[in-house]
Amino acid sequence: MLYIIRNSQLSEWQKQTLKSLSAEDAIMFAENGVYNLYTGVINSNANIYALKQDCLSRGVDSVDVDMVDYAAWVKLTTTHKHWLNW
């Protein structure tokens, strides 16, 4: 499943859900959701991506995730059968 994180604040149950994902899952951080990359949410077995343009425009750097462009984001949505927006 692809989890798309667009909000800067996640509830505790959302954080716990992200930490329990498997290597078959993916997390995509976009918009203000990229701020979560500094909160330890990325401690997950899932593949973790962030929209490069949103990270650059918000000054989010020095994070160990795969930075992707819009084309790669579209590819992620087509390769995962199910996805969820938060």
PDB file of N, CA and C in Angstrom:
ATOM      1  N   MET A   1       0.844  -1.172   0.000  1.00  0.00           N
ATOM      2  CA  MET A   1       0.000   0.000   0.000  1.00  0.00           C
ATOM      3  C   MET A   1       0.890   1.237   0.000  1.00  0.00           C
ATOM      4  N   LEU A   2       0.435   2.274  -0.637  1.00  0.00           N
ATOM      5  CA  LEU A   2       1.126   3.559  -0.667  1.00  0.00           C
ATOM      6  C   LEU A   2       0.411   4.513   0.285  1.00  0.00           C
ATOM      7  N   TYR A   3       1.160   5.047   1.236  1.00  0.00           N
ATOM      8  CA  TYR A   3       0.643   6.034   2.178  1.00  0.00           C
ATOM      9  C   TYR A   3       1.177   7.391   1.753  1.00  0.00           C
ATOM     10  N   ILE A   4       0.280   8.330   1.466  1.00  0.00           N
ATOM     11  CA  ILE A   4       0.666   9.664   1.030  1.00  0.00           C
ATOM     12  C   ILE A   4       0.429  10.614   2.200  1.00  0.00           C
ATOM     13  N   ILE A   5       1.498  11.196   2.698  1.00  0.00           N
ATOM     14  CA  ILE A   5       1.435  12.077   3.865  1.00  0.00           C
ATOM     15  C   ILE A   5       1.552  13.514   3.398  1.00  0.00           C
ATOM     16  N   ARG A   6       0.476  14.282   3.584  1.00  0.00           N
ATOM     17  CA  ARG A   6       0.457  15.681   3.151  1.00  0.00           C
ATOM     18  C   ARG A   6       0.352  16.655   4.320  1.00  0.00           C
ATOM     19  N   ASN A   7       0.014  16.169   5.491  1.00  0.00           N
ATOM     20  CA  ASN A   7      -0.173  17.037   6.653  1.00  0.00           C
ATOM     21  C   ASN A   7       1.064  17.040   7.533  1.00  0.00           C
ATOM     22  N   SER A   8       1.346  18.187   8.132  1.00  0.00           N
ATOM     23  CA  SER A   8       2.551  18.313   8.949  1.00  0.00           C
ATOM     24  C   SER A   8       2.408  17.664  10.316  1.00  0.00           C
ATOM     25  N   GLN A   9       1.197  17.413  10.747  1.00  0.00           N
ATOM     26  CA  GLN A   9       0.996  16.784  12.056  1.00  0.00           C
ATOM     27  C   GLN A   9       0.252  15.469  11.879  1.00  0.00           C
ATOM     28  N   LEU A  10       0.805  14.430  12.485  1.00  0.00           N
ATOM     29  CA  LEU A  10       0.174  13.114  12.451  1.00  0.00           C
ATOM     30  C   LEU A  10      -0.234  12.725  13.864  1.00  0.00           C
ATOM     31  N   SER A  11      -1.338  12.006  13.969  1.00  0.00           N
ATOM     32  CA  SER A  11      -1.770  11.527  15.277  1.00  0.00           C
ATOM     33  C   SER A  11      -0.871  10.366  15.703  1.00  0.00           C
ATOM     34  N   GLU A  12      -0.943   9.999  16.958  1.00  0.00           N
ATOM     35  CA  GLU A  12      -0.130   8.891  17.463  1.00  0.00           C
ATOM     36  C   GLU A  12      -0.459   7.585  16.750  1.00  0.00           C
ATOM     37  N   TRP A  13      -1.736   7.330  16.463  1.00  0.00           N
ATOM     38  CA  TRP A  13      -2.081   6.073  15.785  1.00  0.00           C
ATOM     39  C   TRP A  13      -1.549   6.064  14.357  1.00  0.00           C
ATOM     40  N   GLN A  14      -1.510   7.232  13.704  1.00  0.00           N
ATOM     41  CA  GLN A  14      -0.943   7.298  12.361  1.00  0.00           C
ATOM     42  C   GLN A  14       0.564   7.008  12.406  1.00  0.00           C
ATOM     43  N   LYS A  15       1.262   7.582  13.378  1.00  0.00           N
ATOM     44  CA  LYS A  15       2.699   7.332  13.527  1.00  0.00           C
ATOM     45  C   LYS A  15       2.973   5.853  13.787  1.00  0.00           C
ATOM     46  N   GLN A  16       2.183   5.247  14.649  1.00  0.00           N
ATOM     47  CA  GLN A  16       2.369   3.823  14.946  1.00  0.00           C
ATOM     48  C   GLN A  16       2.078   2.968  13.720  1.00  0.00           C
ATOM     49  N   THR A  17       1.077   3.342  12.957  1.00  0.00           N
ATOM     50  CA  THR A  17       0.759   2.608  11.735  1.00  0.00           C
ATOM     51  C   THR A  17       1.935   2.658  10.765  1.00  0.00           C
ATOM     52  N   LEU A  18       2.517   3.828  10.577  1.00  0.00           N
ATOM     53  CA  LEU A  18       3.641   3.968   9.662  1.00  0.00           C
ATOM     54  C   LEU A  18       4.845   3.143  10.116  1.00  0.00           C
ATOM     55  N   LYS A  19       5.071   3.074  11.410  1.00  0.00           N
ATOM     56  CA  LYS A  19       6.203   2.313  11.933  1.00  0.00           C
ATOM     57  C   LYS A  19       6.026   0.809  11.788  1.00  0.00           C
ATOM     58  N   SER A  20       4.791   0.373  11.589  1.00  0.00           N
ATOM     59  CA  SER A  20       4.524  -1.067  11.505  1.00  0.00           C
ATOM     60  C   SER A  20       4.414  -1.580  10.064  1.00  0.00           C
ATOM     61  N   LEU A  21       4.722  -0.749   9.085  1.00  0.00           N
ATOM     62  CA  LEU A  21       4.578  -1.149   7.685  1.00  0.00           C
ATOM     63  C   LEU A  21       5.667  -2.135   7.274  1.00  0.00           C
ATOM     64  N   SER A  22       5.391  -2.847   6.188  1.00  0.00           N
ATOM     65  CA  SER A  22       6.346  -3.840   5.680  1.00  0.00           C
ATOM     66  C   SER A  22       7.135  -3.267   4.500  1.00  0.00           C
ATOM     67  N   ALA A  23       8.099  -4.027   4.029  1.00  0.00           N
ATOM     68  CA  ALA A  23       8.934  -3.612   2.900  1.00  0.00           C
ATOM     69  C   ALA A  23       8.140  -3.528   1.595  1.00  0.00           C
ATOM     70  N   GLU A  24       6.955  -4.101   1.553  1.00  0.00           N
ATOM     71  CA  GLU A  24       6.103  -4.014   0.362  1.00  0.00           C
ATOM     72  C   GLU A  24       5.335  -2.699   0.297  1.00  0.00           C
ATOM     73  N   ASP A  25       5.299  -1.975   1.406  1.00  0.00           N
ATOM     74  CA  ASP A  25       4.585  -0.709   1.479  1.00  0.00           C
ATOM     75  C   ASP A  25       5.506   0.443   1.111  1.00  0.00           C
ATOM     76  N   ALA A  26       4.902   1.598   0.859  1.00  0.00           N
ATOM     77  CA  ALA A  26       5.669   2.809   0.565  1.00  0.00           C
ATOM     78  C   ALA A  26       4.998   3.996   1.247  1.00  0.00           C
ATOM     79  N   ILE A  27       5.831   4.941   1.663  1.00  0.00           N
ATOM     80  CA  ILE A  27       5.346   6.188   2.248  1.00  0.00           C
ATOM     81  C   ILE A  27       5.855   7.326   1.377  1.00  0.00           C
ATOM     82  N   MET A  28       4.942   8.182   0.959  1.00  0.00           N
ATOM     83  CA  MET A  28       5.292   9.342   0.134  1.00  0.00           C
ATOM     84  C   MET A  28       4.972  10.600   0.913  1.00  0.00           C
ATOM     85  N   PHE A  29       5.986  11.429   1.187  1.00  0.00           N
ATOM     86  CA  PHE A  29       5.793  12.687   1.882  1.00  0.00           C
ATOM     87  C   PHE A  29       5.727  13.808   0.856  1.00  0.00           C
ATOM     88  N   ALA A  30       4.679  14.631   0.947  1.00  0.00           N
ATOM     89  CA  ALA A  30       4.488  15.743   0.015  1.00  0.00           C
ATOM     90  C   ALA A  30       3.881  16.917   0.770  1.00  0.00           C
ATOM     91  N   GLU A  31       3.889  18.073   0.119  1.00  0.00           N
ATOM     92  CA  GLU A  31       3.344  19.309   0.684  1.00  0.00           C
ATOM     93  C   GLU A  31       3.928  19.515   2.083  1.00  0.00           C
ATOM     94  N   ASN A  32       3.123  19.931   3.073  1.00  0.00           N
ATOM     95  CA  ASN A  32       3.640  20.143   4.426  1.00  0.00           C
ATOM     96  C   ASN A  32       3.977  18.831   5.138  1.00  0.00           C
ATOM     97  N   GLY A  33       3.596  17.728   4.559  1.00  0.00           N
ATOM     98  CA  GLY A  33       3.930  16.427   5.135  1.00  0.00           C
ATOM     99  C   GLY A  33       5.424  16.169   5.195  1.00  0.00           C
ATOM    100  N   VAL A  34       6.219  16.884   4.374  1.00  0.00           N
ATOM    101  CA  VAL A  34       7.667  16.680   4.401  1.00  0.00           C
ATOM    102  C   VAL A  34       8.274  17.067   5.744  1.00  0.00           C
ATOM    103  N   TYR A  35       7.601  17.911   6.518  1.00  0.00           N
ATOM    104  CA  TYR A  35       8.122  18.274   7.842  1.00  0.00           C
ATOM    105  C   TYR A  35       8.177  17.061   8.771  1.00  0.00           C
ATOM    106  N   ASN A  36       7.368  16.057   8.505  1.00  0.00           N
ATOM    107  CA  ASN A  36       7.389  14.843   9.323  1.00  0.00           C
ATOM    108  C   ASN A  36       8.704  14.078   9.199  1.00  0.00           C
ATOM    109  N   LEU A  37       9.478  14.375   8.194  1.00  0.00           N
ATOM    110  CA  LEU A  37      10.756  13.689   8.013  1.00  0.00           C
ATOM    111  C   LEU A  37      11.723  13.993   9.152  1.00  0.00           C
ATOM    112  N   TYR A  38      11.473  15.077   9.897  1.00  0.00           N
ATOM    113  CA  TYR A  38      12.318  15.439  11.038  1.00  0.00           C
ATOM    114  C   TYR A  38      11.820  14.863  12.361  1.00  0.00           C
ATOM    115  N   THR A  39      10.697  14.173  12.358  1.00  0.00           N
ATOM    116  CA  THR A  39      10.084  13.752  13.627  1.00  0.00           C
ATOM    117  C   THR A  39      10.319  12.295  13.983  1.00  0.00           C
ATOM    118  N   GLY A  40      11.080  11.568  13.200  1.00  0.00           N
ATOM    119  CA  GLY A  40      11.322  10.167  13.503  1.00  0.00           C
ATOM    120  C   GLY A  40      10.281   9.225  12.935  1.00  0.00           C
ATOM    121  N   VAL A  41       9.334   9.748  12.178  1.00  0.00           N
ATOM    122  CA  VAL A  41       8.292   8.920  11.572  1.00  0.00           C
ATOM    123  C   VAL A  41       8.899   7.943  10.570  1.00  0.00           C
ATOM    124  N   ILE A  42      10.043   8.296  10.025  1.00  0.00           N
ATOM    125  CA  ILE A  42      10.610   7.468   8.972  1.00  0.00           C
ATOM    126  C   ILE A  42      11.251   6.184   9.494  1.00  0.00           C
ATOM    127  N   ASN A  43      11.109   5.904  10.774  1.00  0.00           N
ATOM    128  CA  ASN A  43      11.585   4.649  11.338  1.00  0.00           C
ATOM    129  C   ASN A  43      10.603   3.547  10.950  1.00  0.00           C
ATOM    130  N   SER A  44      10.705   3.096   9.720  1.00  0.00           N
ATOM    131  CA  SER A  44       9.744   2.146   9.163  1.00  0.00           C
ATOM    132  C   SER A  44      10.471   1.202   8.213  1.00  0.00           C
ATOM    133  N   ASN A  45       9.898   0.025   8.013  1.00  0.00           N
ATOM    134  CA  ASN A  45      10.441  -0.924   7.042  1.00  0.00           C
ATOM    135  C   ASN A  45      10.004  -0.601   5.620  1.00  0.00           C
ATOM    136  N   ALA A  46       9.072   0.313   5.467  1.00  0.00           N
ATOM    137  CA  ALA A  46       8.539   0.667   4.149  1.00  0.00           C
ATOM    138  C   ALA A  46       9.567   1.449   3.339  1.00  0.00           C
ATOM    139  N   ASN A  47       9.360   1.486   2.043  1.00  0.00           N
ATOM    140  CA  ASN A  47      10.154   2.345   1.165  1.00  0.00           C
ATOM    141  C   ASN A  47       9.663   3.771   1.375  1.00  0.00           C
ATOM    142  N   ILE A  48      10.600   4.691   1.578  1.00  0.00           N
ATOM    143  CA  ILE A  48      10.218   6.055   1.936  1.00  0.00           C
ATOM    144  C   ILE A  48      10.676   7.030   0.861  1.00  0.00           C
ATOM    145  N   TYR A  49       9.725   7.860   0.424  1.00  0.00           N
ATOM    146  CA  TYR A  49       9.967   8.830  -0.636  1.00  0.00           C
ATOM    147  C   TYR A  49       9.494  10.212  -0.181  1.00  0.00           C
ATOM    148  N   ALA A  50      10.063  11.235  -0.767  1.00  0.00           N
ATOM    149  CA  ALA A  50       9.613  12.603  -0.521  1.00  0.00           C
ATOM    150  C   ALA A  50       9.648  13.355  -1.841  1.00  0.00           C
ATOM    151  N   LEU A  51       8.675  14.210  -2.029  1.00  0.00           N
ATOM    152  CA  LEU A  51       8.625  15.023  -3.239  1.00  0.00           C
ATOM    153  C   LEU A  51       9.712  16.094  -3.142  1.00  0.00           C
ATOM    154  N   LYS A  52      10.679  16.005  -4.027  1.00  0.00           N
ATOM    155  CA  LYS A  52      11.860  16.869  -3.987  1.00  0.00           C
ATOM    156  C   LYS A  52      11.492  18.346  -4.013  1.00  0.00           C
ATOM    157  N   GLN A  53      10.573  18.721  -4.872  1.00  0.00           N
ATOM    158  CA  GLN A  53      10.177  20.125  -4.988  1.00  0.00           C
ATOM    159  C   GLN A  53       9.633  20.662  -3.670  1.00  0.00           C
ATOM    160  N   ASP A  54       8.821  19.860  -2.963  1.00  0.00           N
ATOM    161  CA  ASP A  54       8.260  20.304  -1.692  1.00  0.00           C
ATOM    162  C   ASP A  54       9.334  20.402  -0.612  1.00  0.00           C
ATOM    163  N   CYS A  55      10.281  19.480  -0.612  1.00  0.00           N
ATOM    164  CA  CYS A  55      11.382  19.546   0.352  1.00  0.00           C
ATOM    165  C   CYS A  55      12.224  20.799   0.117  1.00  0.00           C
ATOM    166  N   LEU A  56      12.562  21.068  -1.125  1.00  0.00           N
ATOM    167  CA  LEU A  56      13.379  22.235  -1.441  1.00  0.00           C
ATOM    168  C   LEU A  56      12.669  23.539  -1.081  1.00  0.00           C
ATOM    169  N   SER A  57      11.383  23.632  -1.390  1.00  0.00           N
ATOM    170  CA  SER A  57      10.654  24.882  -1.137  1.00  0.00           C
ATOM    171  C   SER A  57      10.414  25.125   0.347  1.00  0.00           C
ATOM    172  N   ARG A  58      10.507  24.064   1.169  1.00  0.00           N
ATOM    173  CA  ARG A  58      10.295  24.202   2.606  1.00  0.00           C
ATOM    174  C   ARG A  58      11.594  24.107   3.414  1.00  0.00           C
ATOM    175  N   GLY A  59      12.705  24.010   2.722  1.00  0.00           N
ATOM    176  CA  GLY A  59      13.990  23.953   3.402  1.00  0.00           C
ATOM    177  C   GLY A  59      14.244  22.649   4.139  1.00  0.00           C
ATOM    178  N   VAL A  60      13.578  21.592   3.722  1.00  0.00           N
ATOM    179  CA  VAL A  60      13.772  20.282   4.343  1.00  0.00           C
ATOM    180  C   VAL A  60      14.894  19.580   3.593  1.00  0.00           C
ATOM    181  N   ASP A  61      16.007  19.383   4.297  1.00  0.00           N
ATOM    182  CA  ASP A  61      17.141  18.724   3.673  1.00  0.00           C
ATOM    183  C   ASP A  61      17.823  17.834   4.708  1.00  0.00           C
ATOM    184  N   SER A  62      18.874  17.215   4.315  1.00  0.00           N
ATOM    185  CA  SER A  62      19.636  16.317   5.193  1.00  0.00           C
ATOM    186  C   SER A  62      18.770  15.186   5.747  1.00  0.00           C
ATOM    187  N   VAL A  63      17.864  14.693   4.938  1.00  0.00           N
ATOM    188  CA  VAL A  63      17.055  13.543   5.338  1.00  0.00           C
ATOM    189  C   VAL A  63      17.415  12.374   4.432  1.00  0.00           C
ATOM    190  N   ASP A  64      17.422  11.198   5.008  1.00  0.00           N
ATOM    191  CA  ASP A  64      17.856  10.006   4.280  1.00  0.00           C
ATOM    192  C   ASP A  64      16.650   9.277   3.684  1.00  0.00           C
ATOM    193  N   VAL A  65      16.071   9.873   2.635  1.00  0.00           N
ATOM    194  CA  VAL A  65      14.948   9.272   1.914  1.00  0.00           C
ATOM    195  C   VAL A  65      15.193   9.447   0.423  1.00  0.00           C
ATOM    196  N   ASP A  66      14.445   8.733  -0.376  1.00  0.00           N
ATOM    197  CA  ASP A  66      14.528   8.899  -1.825  1.00  0.00           C
ATOM    198  C   ASP A  66      13.736  10.127  -2.246  1.00  0.00           C
ATOM    199  N   MET A  67      14.418  11.124  -2.789  1.00  0.00           N
ATOM    200  CA  MET A  67      13.758  12.325  -3.300  1.00  0.00           C
ATOM    201  C   MET A  67      13.286  12.028  -4.717  1.00  0.00           C
ATOM    202  N   VAL A  68      12.005  12.300  -4.977  1.00  0.00           N
ATOM    203  CA  VAL A  68      11.436  11.989  -6.291  1.00  0.00           C
ATOM    204  C   VAL A  68      10.746  13.216  -6.872  1.00  0.00           C
ATOM    205  N   ASP A  69      10.544  13.183  -8.185  1.00  0.00           N
ATOM    206  CA  ASP A  69       9.819  14.249  -8.859  1.00  0.00           C
ATOM    207  C   ASP A  69       8.369  13.807  -9.073  1.00  0.00           C
ATOM    208  N   TYR A  70       7.594  14.662  -9.729  1.00  0.00           N
ATOM    209  CA  TYR A  70       6.175  14.351  -9.935  1.00  0.00           C
ATOM    210  C   TYR A  70       5.969  13.088 -10.778  1.00  0.00           C
ATOM    211  N   ALA A  71       6.802  12.886 -11.775  1.00  0.00           N
ATOM    212  CA  ALA A  71       6.665  11.694 -12.624  1.00  0.00           C
ATOM    213  C   ALA A  71       6.867  10.417 -11.812  1.00  0.00           C
ATOM    214  N   ALA A  72       7.832  10.426 -10.917  1.00  0.00           N
ATOM    215  CA  ALA A  72       8.068   9.250 -10.070  1.00  0.00           C
ATOM    216  C   ALA A  72       6.908   9.038  -9.099  1.00  0.00           C
ATOM    217  N   TRP A  73       6.304  10.136  -8.636  1.00  0.00           N
ATOM    218  CA  TRP A  73       5.158  10.023  -7.734  1.00  0.00           C
ATOM    219  C   TRP A  73       3.994   9.363  -8.467  1.00  0.00           C
ATOM    220  N   VAL A  74       3.749   9.770  -9.690  1.00  0.00           N
ATOM    221  CA  VAL A  74       2.682   9.155 -10.481  1.00  0.00           C
ATOM    222  C   VAL A  74       2.961   7.665 -10.663  1.00  0.00           C
ATOM    223  N   LYS A  75       4.202   7.318 -10.920  1.00  0.00           N
ATOM    224  CA  LYS A  75       4.565   5.913 -11.072  1.00  0.00           C
ATOM    225  C   LYS A  75       4.286   5.131  -9.787  1.00  0.00           C
ATOM    226  N   LEU A  76       4.573   5.731  -8.642  1.00  0.00           N
ATOM    227  CA  LEU A  76       4.274   5.073  -7.369  1.00  0.00           C
ATOM    228  C   LEU A  76       2.779   4.790  -7.225  1.00  0.00           C
ATOM    229  N   THR A  77       1.950   5.750  -7.631  1.00  0.00           N
ATOM    230  CA  THR A  77       0.503   5.547  -7.501  1.00  0.00           C
ATOM    231  C   THR A  77      -0.005   4.468  -8.444  1.00  0.00           C
ATOM    232  N   THR A  78       0.698   4.244  -9.544  1.00  0.00           N
ATOM    233  CA  THR A  78       0.253   3.209 -10.471  1.00  0.00           C
ATOM    234  C   THR A  78       0.814   1.825 -10.127  1.00  0.00           C
ATOM    235  N   THR A  79       1.912   1.789  -9.386  1.00  0.00           N
ATOM    236  CA  THR A  79       2.498   0.488  -9.027  1.00  0.00           C
ATOM    237  C   THR A  79       1.911  -0.081  -7.738  1.00  0.00           C
ATOM    238  N   HIS A  80       1.250   0.769  -6.951  1.00  0.00           N
ATOM    239  CA  HIS A  80       0.594   0.295  -5.733  1.00  0.00           C
ATOM    240  C   HIS A  80      -0.912   0.242  -5.973  1.00  0.00           C
ATOM    241  N   LYS A  81      -1.473  -0.919  -5.771  1.00  0.00           N
ATOM    242  CA  LYS A  81      -2.896  -1.120  -6.033  1.00  0.00           C
ATOM    243  C   LYS A  81      -3.773  -0.266  -5.112  1.00  0.00           C
ATOM    244  N   HIS A  82      -3.353  -0.151  -3.865  1.00  0.00           N
ATOM    245  CA  HIS A  82      -4.113   0.628  -2.876  1.00  0.00           C
ATOM    246  C   HIS A  82      -3.253   1.767  -2.348  1.00  0.00           C
ATOM    247  N   TRP A  83      -3.886   2.900  -2.068  1.00  0.00           N
ATOM    248  CA  TRP A  83      -3.177   3.998  -1.447  1.00  0.00           C
ATOM    249  C   TRP A  83      -4.102   4.797  -0.567  1.00  0.00           C
ATOM    250  N   LEU A  84      -3.497   5.480   0.386  1.00  0.00           N
ATOM    251  CA  LEU A  84      -4.233   6.202   1.410  1.00  0.00           C
ATOM    252  C   LEU A  84      -3.616   7.575   1.595  1.00  0.00           C
ATOM    253  N   ASN A  85      -4.450   8.619   1.597  1.00  0.00           N
ATOM    254  CA  ASN A  85      -3.994   9.999   1.829  1.00  0.00           C
ATOM    255  C   ASN A  85      -4.206  10.396   3.283  1.00  0.00           C
ATOM    256  N   TRP A  86      -3.164  10.967   3.875  1.00  0.00           N
ATOM    257  CA  TRP A  86      -3.285  11.547   5.223  1.00  0.00           C
ATOM    258  C   TRP A  86      -2.830  12.969   5.186  1.00  0.00           C
TER     259      TRP A  86
END
